[in-house]
């Protein structure tokens, strides 16, 4: 018997998501009777303590008798229980300086850390995450920005709606202008954003048609890396090479910046890849983009107009084309930016249900089949007070010798 716990989220601002809803938890124990669950009491979780009790689970303030502790966001250092197995997004695999002390403490307390971000298949594909919900809410927020700035319609915040179905219902009542939308990315984030455009019945157009035509209805173009990046030497590129040696490529995005009204950024940005556009590009007289929904939200990265993350409370800000500084979102000359970096928090119920489905499918079986597919082995970052071999590259970071990300 393995004792699991759903832990209370303690990070600020509060996160209402959870790894398993009461319904999903019932499915887990039906499939795996050798798993038992305790739920740490929480007053902020999207599902109440009573809902878990009604589903037949013990709710308690004390989870110290559990072996595997399941959370979403980073656990504050004072709340880490020594000698346990933990699952959460640690935000340490890229040597994020703000979580160095957390990783050190995990090691010193002999915690086995499994990071949701590196729960991957043998061919490196991510198996679980909240990407689809980031895409759904990010695109919805981008549409919402158009309505507010142009005084066309007023969509409520996604967080004020009960679920995804209610959010889609709100979209049924609006009409969007005949804008051209360019969407980047090929993963769950981009496909979530695409769901919103398709729900709005925005017509998809292929790049060659999109770049040379105007339309009397809203259209979108979903582009991949070879549409917006090209080999520096003019040779034919390949998707595989772009991901392997991005330094061989330069941006070819300006042709889309000159022909699009709205940019929905749903791509994954790898180190060394070319930027989409620079501050200088934005000053170009033909730069046409008026709205940027930056779901990827890499600050001071590939999208020059994303100068800071925004928040669920204040999701929009303006970008001054000439100075590159922040401006009033409602200023007609400013580009409207949406760069909320915790979008799935706005749909906590649906996001939790979706996450739990993936966790049940890919992770829970590994505890009971000797990890035959290597799921746990690849995701385990720390063991016996040391970094595991896959994550030994973080040793200099733990030792304080790596400062490249601290500027």
Protein backbone atom coordinates (compact mmCIF):
# COMPACT_ATOMS: atom_id res chain seq x y z
CA UNK A 1 0.00 0.00 0.00
CA UNK A 2 1.32 3.46 -0.94
CA UNK A 3 -0.07 6.44 0.97
CA UNK A 4 -0.51 9.54 -1.17
CA UNK A 5 -1.52 13.02 -0.02
CA UNK A 6 -3.01 15.96 -1.90
CA UNK A 7 -1.26 18.91 -0.29
CA UNK A 8 -2.55 22.40 0.36
CA UNK A 9 -1.24 25.07 -2.03
CA UNK A 10 0.53 27.75 0.00
CA UNK A 11 2.18 29.91 -2.63
CA UNK A 12 1.16 33.56 -3.01
CA UNK A 13 -0.86 34.59 -4.97
CA UNK A 14 -3.17 31.68 -4.07
CA UNK A 15 -3.53 28.86 -6.58
CA UNK A 16 -6.85 27.00 -6.45
CA UNK A 17 -5.77 24.06 -8.63
CA UNK A 18 -5.14 20.52 -7.37
CA UNK A 19 -3.63 17.36 -8.90
CA UNK A 20 -6.85 15.33 -8.45
CA UNK A 21 -10.48 16.38 -8.14
CA UNK A 22 -12.70 14.24 -5.86
CA UNK A 23 -14.10 12.49 -8.94
CA UNK A 24 -10.65 11.71 -10.37
CA UNK A 25 -9.46 10.49 -6.97
CA UNK A 26 -12.30 7.96 -6.90
CA UNK A 27 -11.19 6.74 -10.33
CA UNK A 28 -7.61 6.34 -9.06
CA UNK A 29 -8.53 4.10 -6.13
CA UNK A 30 -10.93 2.09 -8.29
CA UNK A 31 -8.10 1.32 -10.69
CA UNK A 32 -5.40 1.01 -8.05
CA UNK A 33 -6.84 -0.37 -4.78
CA UNK A 34 -3.28 -0.52 -3.39
CA UNK A 35 -3.16 3.32 -3.39
CA UNK A 36 -4.64 5.20 -0.44
CA UNK A 37 -5.20 8.95 -0.32
CA UNK A 38 -5.43 11.61 2.34
CA UNK A 39 -6.36 15.20 1.52
CA UNK A 40 -4.71 18.08 3.37
CA UNK A 41 -7.39 20.54 4.47
CA UNK A 42 -7.50 23.69 2.33
CA UNK A 43 -9.73 26.75 2.34
CA UNK A 44 -8.68 27.92 -1.13
CA UNK A 45 -8.83 24.77 -3.26
CA UNK A 46 -11.45 24.84 -6.03
CA UNK A 47 -12.95 21.65 -4.55
CA UNK A 48 -13.99 21.95 -0.90
CA UNK A 49 -12.88 19.67 1.93
CA UNK A 50 -16.47 18.43 2.16
CA UNK A 51 -16.49 17.37 -1.49
CA UNK A 52 -13.51 15.09 -0.79
CA UNK A 53 -15.15 13.75 2.38
CA UNK A 54 -18.34 13.00 0.44
CA UNK A 55 -16.23 11.12 -2.10
CA UNK A 56 -14.95 8.95 0.76
CA UNK A 57 -11.54 10.47 1.49
CA UNK A 58 -10.00 11.49 4.80
CA UNK A 59 -9.32 15.22 5.12
CA UNK A 60 -6.75 16.25 7.71
CA UNK A 61 -4.31 18.98 8.74
CA UNK A 62 -1.67 16.29 9.31
CA UNK A 63 -0.29 14.43 6.29
CA UNK A 64 3.04 13.45 7.87
CA UNK A 65 2.12 9.74 7.70
CA UNK A 66 1.91 9.83 3.87
CA UNK A 67 4.71 8.70 1.54
CA UNK A 68 4.06 10.66 -1.66
CA UNK A 69 2.89 14.28 -1.52
CA UNK A 70 1.21 15.71 -4.61
CA UNK A 71 1.04 19.47 -5.21
CA UNK A 72 0.94 21.97 -8.05
CA UNK A 73 3.14 24.98 -7.23
CA UNK A 74 6.39 25.21 -5.24
CA UNK A 75 6.09 24.23 -1.58
CA UNK A 76 7.34 27.04 0.71
CA UNK A 77 10.55 25.98 2.47
CA UNK A 78 9.08 26.00 6.02
CA UNK A 79 6.38 23.53 4.92
CA UNK A 80 8.69 20.91 3.40
CA UNK A 81 8.49 17.59 5.30
CA UNK A 82 11.84 15.70 5.35
CA UNK A 83 12.28 12.21 3.87
CA UNK A 84 9.17 12.37 1.63
CA UNK A 85 8.56 12.03 -2.10
CA UNK A 86 7.15 15.28 -3.54
CA UNK A 87 5.59 16.09 -6.90
CA UNK A 88 5.21 19.77 -7.90
CA UNK A 89 6.43 22.35 -10.42
CA UNK A 90 9.73 23.31 -8.78
CA UNK A 91 10.85 25.85 -11.42
CA UNK A 92 14.49 24.89 -10.91
CA UNK A 93 15.43 22.92 -14.04
CA UNK A 94 16.51 26.10 -15.86
CA UNK A 95 18.56 27.23 -12.82
CA UNK A 96 15.95 29.82 -11.82
CA UNK A 97 17.78 31.86 -9.16
CA UNK A 98 14.65 32.61 -7.12
CA UNK A 99 14.28 28.89 -6.33
CA UNK A 100 17.93 28.03 -5.59
CA UNK A 101 17.28 27.96 -1.82
CA UNK A 102 14.27 25.71 -2.34
CA UNK A 103 16.37 23.15 -4.22
CA UNK A 104 19.12 23.33 -1.58
CA UNK A 105 16.57 22.73 1.17
CA UNK A 106 15.05 19.79 -0.71
CA UNK A 107 18.50 18.21 -0.84
CA UNK A 108 19.31 18.91 2.80
CA UNK A 109 15.97 17.44 3.95
CA UNK A 110 16.53 14.23 1.96
CA UNK A 111 13.42 14.82 -0.17
CA UNK A 112 12.87 12.89 -3.39
CA UNK A 113 11.68 15.58 -5.82
CA UNK A 114 9.71 14.73 -8.95
CA UNK A 115 9.01 17.74 -11.15
CA UNK A 116 5.79 17.76 -13.20
CA UNK A 117 7.65 19.59 -15.96
CA UNK A 118 9.95 16.63 -16.59
CA UNK A 119 7.32 13.90 -16.53
CA UNK A 120 8.12 12.96 -20.11
CA UNK A 121 8.00 10.00 -22.47
CA UNK A 122 11.09 8.17 -23.71
CA UNK A 123 11.13 10.49 -26.74
CA UNK A 124 11.04 13.61 -24.51
CA UNK A 125 7.38 14.53 -25.06
CA UNK A 126 5.71 16.12 -22.03
CA UNK A 127 2.99 13.89 -20.66
CA UNK A 128 1.21 16.13 -18.18
CA UNK A 129 0.67 19.84 -17.72
CA UNK A 130 -1.80 22.69 -17.85
CA UNK A 131 -0.81 23.86 -21.35
CA UNK A 132 -4.20 23.43 -22.99
CA UNK A 133 -5.85 25.61 -20.34
CA UNK A 134 -3.15 28.28 -20.64
CA UNK A 135 -3.94 28.37 -24.37
CA UNK A 136 -7.70 28.51 -23.88
CA UNK A 137 -7.61 31.32 -21.33
CA UNK A 138 -4.79 33.19 -23.09
CA UNK A 139 -6.68 33.39 -26.38
CA UNK A 140 -9.91 34.29 -24.54
CA UNK A 141 -8.05 37.12 -22.77
CA UNK A 142 -6.69 38.34 -26.11
CA UNK A 143 -10.23 38.52 -27.50
CA UNK A 144 -11.38 40.20 -24.29
CA UNK A 145 -8.70 42.88 -24.76
CA UNK A 146 -10.07 43.74 -28.22
CA UNK A 147 -13.58 44.17 -26.82
CA UNK A 148 -12.47 46.42 -23.98
CA UNK A 149 -10.01 48.58 -25.92
CA UNK A 150 -12.34 49.15 -28.85
CA UNK A 151 -15.50 49.32 -26.73
CA UNK A 152 -17.08 46.60 -28.88
CA UNK A 153 -18.12 44.07 -26.22
CA UNK A 154 -17.46 43.25 -22.56
CA UNK A 155 -16.40 39.72 -21.78
CA UNK A 156 -16.17 38.80 -18.07
CA UNK A 157 -12.89 37.54 -16.65
CA UNK A 158 -12.47 33.79 -17.02
CA UNK A 159 -11.83 33.51 -13.27
CA UNK A 160 -15.32 34.90 -12.59
CA UNK A 161 -16.93 32.09 -14.59
CA UNK A 162 -17.64 28.61 -13.20
CA UNK A 163 -15.98 26.59 -15.95
CA UNK A 164 -14.83 26.29 -19.55
CA UNK A 165 -18.37 25.71 -20.83
CA UNK A 166 -19.46 29.07 -19.38
CA UNK A 167 -16.42 30.78 -20.95
CA UNK A 168 -17.27 29.39 -24.39
CA UNK A 169 -20.88 30.47 -23.92
CA UNK A 170 -19.72 34.06 -23.38
CA UNK A 171 -17.88 33.93 -26.70
CA UNK A 172 -21.10 32.87 -28.45
CA UNK A 173 -22.60 36.27 -27.71
CA UNK A 174 -19.90 38.44 -29.33
CA UNK A 175 -18.81 39.38 -32.81
CA UNK A 176 -15.14 40.05 -33.44
CA UNK A 177 -13.80 42.44 -36.09
CA UNK A 178 -12.38 41.18 -39.37
CA UNK A 179 -8.85 40.92 -37.99
CA UNK A 180 -6.01 38.69 -39.09
CA UNK A 181 -4.71 36.49 -36.25
CA UNK A 182 -1.31 34.80 -36.34
CA UNK A 183 -0.83 31.89 -33.91
CA UNK A 184 2.55 30.29 -33.13
CA UNK A 185 3.32 26.94 -31.53
CA UNK A 186 2.65 23.25 -32.07
CA UNK A 187 2.01 21.97 -28.55
CA UNK A 188 -0.88 21.87 -26.08
CA UNK A 189 -0.76 25.66 -25.50
CA UNK A 190 -1.19 26.52 -29.17
CA UNK A 191 -3.91 23.91 -29.61
CA UNK A 192 -5.81 25.34 -26.63
CA UNK A 193 -5.65 28.80 -28.21
CA UNK A 194 -6.72 27.35 -31.53
CA UNK A 195 -9.82 25.85 -29.86
CA UNK A 196 -10.95 29.38 -29.00
CA UNK A 197 -10.45 30.67 -32.55
CA UNK A 198 -12.29 27.66 -33.95
CA UNK A 199 -15.12 28.10 -31.45
CA UNK A 200 -15.48 31.68 -32.70
CA UNK A 201 -15.62 30.22 -36.24
CA UNK A 202 -12.55 32.19 -37.29
CA UNK A 203 -11.51 30.76 -40.66
CA UNK A 204 -8.07 29.21 -40.97
CA UNK A 205 -5.93 30.36 -43.90
CA UNK A 206 -2.62 28.89 -45.07
CA UNK A 207 0.48 31.17 -44.85
CA UNK A 208 0.86 31.75 -48.61
CA UNK A 209 -2.74 32.99 -48.87
CA UNK A 210 -2.67 34.85 -45.55
CA UNK A 211 0.43 36.89 -46.36
CA UNK A 212 -0.84 38.34 -49.63
CA UNK A 213 -4.55 38.88 -49.01
CA UNK A 214 -6.99 40.92 -46.94
CA UNK A 215 -10.29 39.36 -45.91
CA UNK A 216 -13.82 40.56 -45.17
CA UNK A 217 -14.04 38.27 -42.13
CA UNK A 218 -11.70 37.34 -39.24
CA UNK A 219 -9.10 34.73 -40.24
CA UNK A 220 -6.19 33.01 -38.53
CA UNK A 221 -2.92 31.51 -39.68
CA UNK A 222 -1.32 28.82 -37.50
CA UNK A 223 2.41 28.87 -38.20
CA UNK A 224 5.29 26.58 -37.26
CA UNK A 225 9.02 27.24 -36.88
CA UNK A 226 9.90 27.08 -40.59
CA UNK A 227 7.19 29.63 -41.36
CA UNK A 228 8.74 32.23 -39.04
CA UNK A 229 12.46 31.30 -39.09
CA UNK A 230 14.89 30.66 -41.95
CA UNK A 231 18.43 29.39 -42.34
CA UNK A 232 20.97 32.23 -42.14
CA UNK A 233 22.85 30.84 -45.13
CA UNK A 234 19.71 30.65 -47.28
CA UNK A 235 19.74 26.84 -47.43
CA UNK A 236 16.61 24.81 -46.85
CA UNK A 237 15.94 24.30 -43.15
CA UNK A 238 14.34 21.50 -41.20
CA UNK A 239 12.22 21.48 -38.09
CA UNK A 240 14.53 18.90 -36.49
CA UNK A 241 17.62 21.04 -37.14
CA UNK A 242 15.90 24.18 -35.86
CA UNK A 243 15.32 22.55 -32.47
CA UNK A 244 18.81 21.02 -32.43
CA UNK A 245 20.87 23.96 -33.72
CA UNK A 246 18.66 27.08 -33.49
CA UNK A 247 21.77 29.28 -33.87
CA UNK A 248 21.73 28.43 -37.61
CA UNK A 249 18.45 30.32 -37.98
CA UNK A 250 17.25 33.91 -38.05
CA UNK A 251 13.79 35.38 -37.68
CA UNK A 252 11.50 35.57 -40.67
CA UNK A 253 8.49 36.72 -38.64
CA UNK A 254 8.34 40.32 -39.88
CA UNK A 255 6.29 39.28 -42.93
CA UNK A 256 3.59 38.19 -40.44
CA UNK A 257 4.05 41.30 -38.25
CA UNK A 258 3.36 43.41 -41.33
CA UNK A 259 0.17 41.49 -42.24
CA UNK A 260 -1.40 40.60 -38.85
CA UNK A 261 -3.56 42.52 -36.39
CA UNK A 262 -3.33 40.05 -33.51
CA UNK A 263 -0.41 37.84 -32.44
CA UNK A 264 -1.18 34.87 -30.18
CA UNK A 265 2.15 33.49 -28.95
CA UNK A 266 1.78 29.84 -28.01
CA UNK A 267 5.26 28.59 -28.93
CA UNK A 268 7.98 27.07 -26.77
CA UNK A 269 11.09 29.25 -26.92
CA UNK A 270 14.43 27.45 -26.65
CA UNK A 271 17.74 29.06 -25.72
CA UNK A 272 19.65 30.22 -28.79
CA UNK A 273 16.55 30.46 -31.02
CA UNK A 274 16.02 33.71 -32.95
CA UNK A 275 13.66 36.31 -31.52
CA UNK A 276 10.36 36.93 -33.29
CA UNK A 277 10.82 40.69 -33.41
CA UNK A 278 12.96 43.35 -31.73
CA UNK A 279 12.17 46.84 -30.40
CA UNK A 280 13.57 48.20 -33.66
CA UNK A 281 11.21 45.99 -35.66
CA UNK A 282 8.22 47.37 -33.72
CA UNK A 283 9.23 50.91 -34.74
CA UNK A 284 9.06 49.96 -38.43
CA UNK A 285 6.29 51.88 -40.18
CA UNK A 286 4.75 48.67 -41.53
CA UNK A 287 4.58 46.84 -38.17
CA UNK A 288 0.85 46.20 -38.00
CA UNK A 289 0.22 44.08 -34.87
CA UNK A 290 -2.12 45.89 -32.45
CA UNK A 291 -2.72 43.09 -29.92
CA UNK A 292 -0.31 40.54 -28.46
CA UNK A 293 -1.60 37.66 -26.34
CA UNK A 294 1.73 36.29 -25.16
CA UNK A 295 0.82 32.97 -23.54
CA UNK A 296 4.45 31.83 -23.57
CA UNK A 297 5.39 34.94 -21.59
CA UNK A 298 9.20 34.92 -21.83
CA UNK A 299 10.20 38.27 -20.34
CA UNK A 300 12.83 40.26 -22.26
CA UNK A 301 12.88 37.34 -24.68
CA UNK A 302 11.67 36.57 -28.20
CA UNK A 303 8.67 38.94 -28.18
CA UNK A 304 10.07 42.43 -27.59
CA UNK A 305 6.70 43.91 -26.63
CA UNK A 306 6.46 41.59 -23.57
CA UNK A 307 8.33 43.72 -21.07
CA UNK A 308 6.79 42.27 -17.92
CA UNK A 309 4.29 39.62 -16.90
CA UNK A 310 0.76 40.85 -16.24
CA UNK A 311 -1.59 39.46 -13.61
CA UNK A 312 -5.04 37.90 -13.46
CA UNK A 313 -6.15 41.02 -11.56
CA UNK A 314 -4.63 43.40 -14.18
CA UNK A 315 -4.15 41.31 -17.33
CA UNK A 316 -3.42 44.09 -19.85
CA UNK A 317 -0.88 46.83 -20.37
CA UNK A 318 0.18 48.99 -23.28
CA UNK A 319 3.49 49.11 -25.17
CA UNK A 320 4.73 52.36 -26.66
CA UNK A 321 6.04 51.62 -30.16
CA UNK A 322 8.55 54.49 -30.22
CA UNK A 323 10.08 54.38 -26.75
CA UNK A 324 9.65 50.66 -25.99
CA UNK A 325 8.27 51.64 -22.58
CA UNK A 326 5.01 50.68 -20.91
CA UNK A 327 2.03 52.80 -21.88
CA UNK A 328 -1.66 53.09 -21.08
CA UNK A 329 -3.44 50.02 -22.44
CA UNK A 330 -6.31 52.21 -23.71
CA UNK A 331 -4.01 54.58 -25.64
CA UNK A 332 -5.02 54.13 -29.32
CA UNK A 333 -1.34 54.31 -30.38
CA UNK A 334 -0.17 51.66 -27.89
CA UNK A 335 0.05 47.96 -28.66
CA UNK A 336 -2.15 46.04 -26.19
CA UNK A 337 -0.26 43.31 -24.34
CA UNK A 338 -1.69 40.35 -22.41
CA UNK A 339 1.10 38.41 -20.66
CA UNK A 340 -0.46 36.67 -17.67
CA UNK A 341 2.01 33.99 -16.56
CA UNK A 342 -0.42 31.77 -14.59
CA UNK A 343 -3.36 31.54 -16.99
CA UNK A 344 -4.65 28.05 -16.01
CA UNK A 345 -5.41 29.44 -12.53
CA UNK A 346 -8.37 31.21 -14.15
CA UNK A 347 -10.07 27.89 -14.94
CA UNK A 348 -9.07 25.90 -11.85
CA UNK A 349 -11.88 23.34 -12.03
CA UNK A 350 -11.38 22.26 -15.64
CA UNK A 351 -7.60 22.57 -15.41
CA UNK A 352 -7.52 20.29 -12.35
CA UNK A 353 -9.79 17.71 -13.98
CA UNK A 354 -7.63 17.64 -17.11
CA UNK A 355 -4.38 17.45 -15.16
CA UNK A 356 -5.72 14.59 -13.00
CA UNK A 357 -6.70 12.58 -16.08
CA UNK A 358 -3.14 12.80 -17.41
CA UNK A 359 -1.59 12.06 -14.01
CA UNK A 360 -3.76 8.96 -13.62
CA UNK A 361 -2.93 7.74 -17.10
CA UNK A 362 0.84 8.31 -17.07
CA UNK A 363 2.16 8.60 -13.51
CA UNK A 364 0.13 6.55 -11.03
CA UNK A 365 0.66 3.24 -12.94
CA UNK A 366 4.44 3.72 -12.67
CA UNK A 367 4.23 3.27 -8.90
CA UNK A 368 2.72 -0.19 -9.35
CA UNK A 369 4.50 -1.57 -12.43
CA UNK A 370 8.12 -1.08 -11.31
CA UNK A 371 8.25 2.09 -13.44
CA UNK A 372 8.59 -0.09 -16.53
CA UNK A 373 8.43 2.93 -18.88
CA UNK A 374 10.94 5.00 -16.89
CA UNK A 375 8.42 7.77 -16.11
CA UNK A 376 9.47 8.19 -12.47
CA UNK A 377 13.15 7.69 -13.26
CA UNK A 378 13.21 10.57 -15.75
CA UNK A 379 11.25 12.91 -13.45
CA UNK A 380 13.23 12.24 -10.25
CA UNK A 381 15.55 15.19 -9.67
CA UNK A 382 16.86 14.48 -6.16
CA UNK A 383 17.41 11.27 -4.19
CA UNK A 384 19.31 10.40 -1.00
CA UNK A 385 20.29 14.04 -0.51
CA UNK A 386 21.91 14.32 -3.96
CA UNK A 387 20.95 15.38 -7.47
CA UNK A 388 20.23 12.36 -9.68
CA UNK A 389 22.58 11.84 -12.69
CA UNK A 390 20.07 13.36 -15.16
CA UNK A 391 20.04 16.59 -13.14
CA UNK A 392 23.69 16.72 -12.07
CA UNK A 393 24.05 19.74 -14.37
CA UNK A 394 22.34 21.71 -11.56
CA UNK A 395 25.21 21.08 -9.10
CA UNK A 396 27.04 24.33 -9.88
CA UNK A 397 23.71 26.15 -9.47
CA UNK A 398 23.16 24.53 -6.05
CA UNK A 399 26.74 25.38 -5.09
CA UNK A 400 26.19 29.01 -6.08
CA UNK A 401 28.74 28.92 -8.91
CA UNK A 402 26.32 29.69 -11.71
CA UNK A 403 25.14 33.27 -11.97
CA UNK A 404 24.22 33.51 -15.62
CA UNK A 405 20.48 33.84 -14.96
CA UNK A 406 20.74 36.30 -12.11
CA UNK A 407 21.08 39.52 -14.04
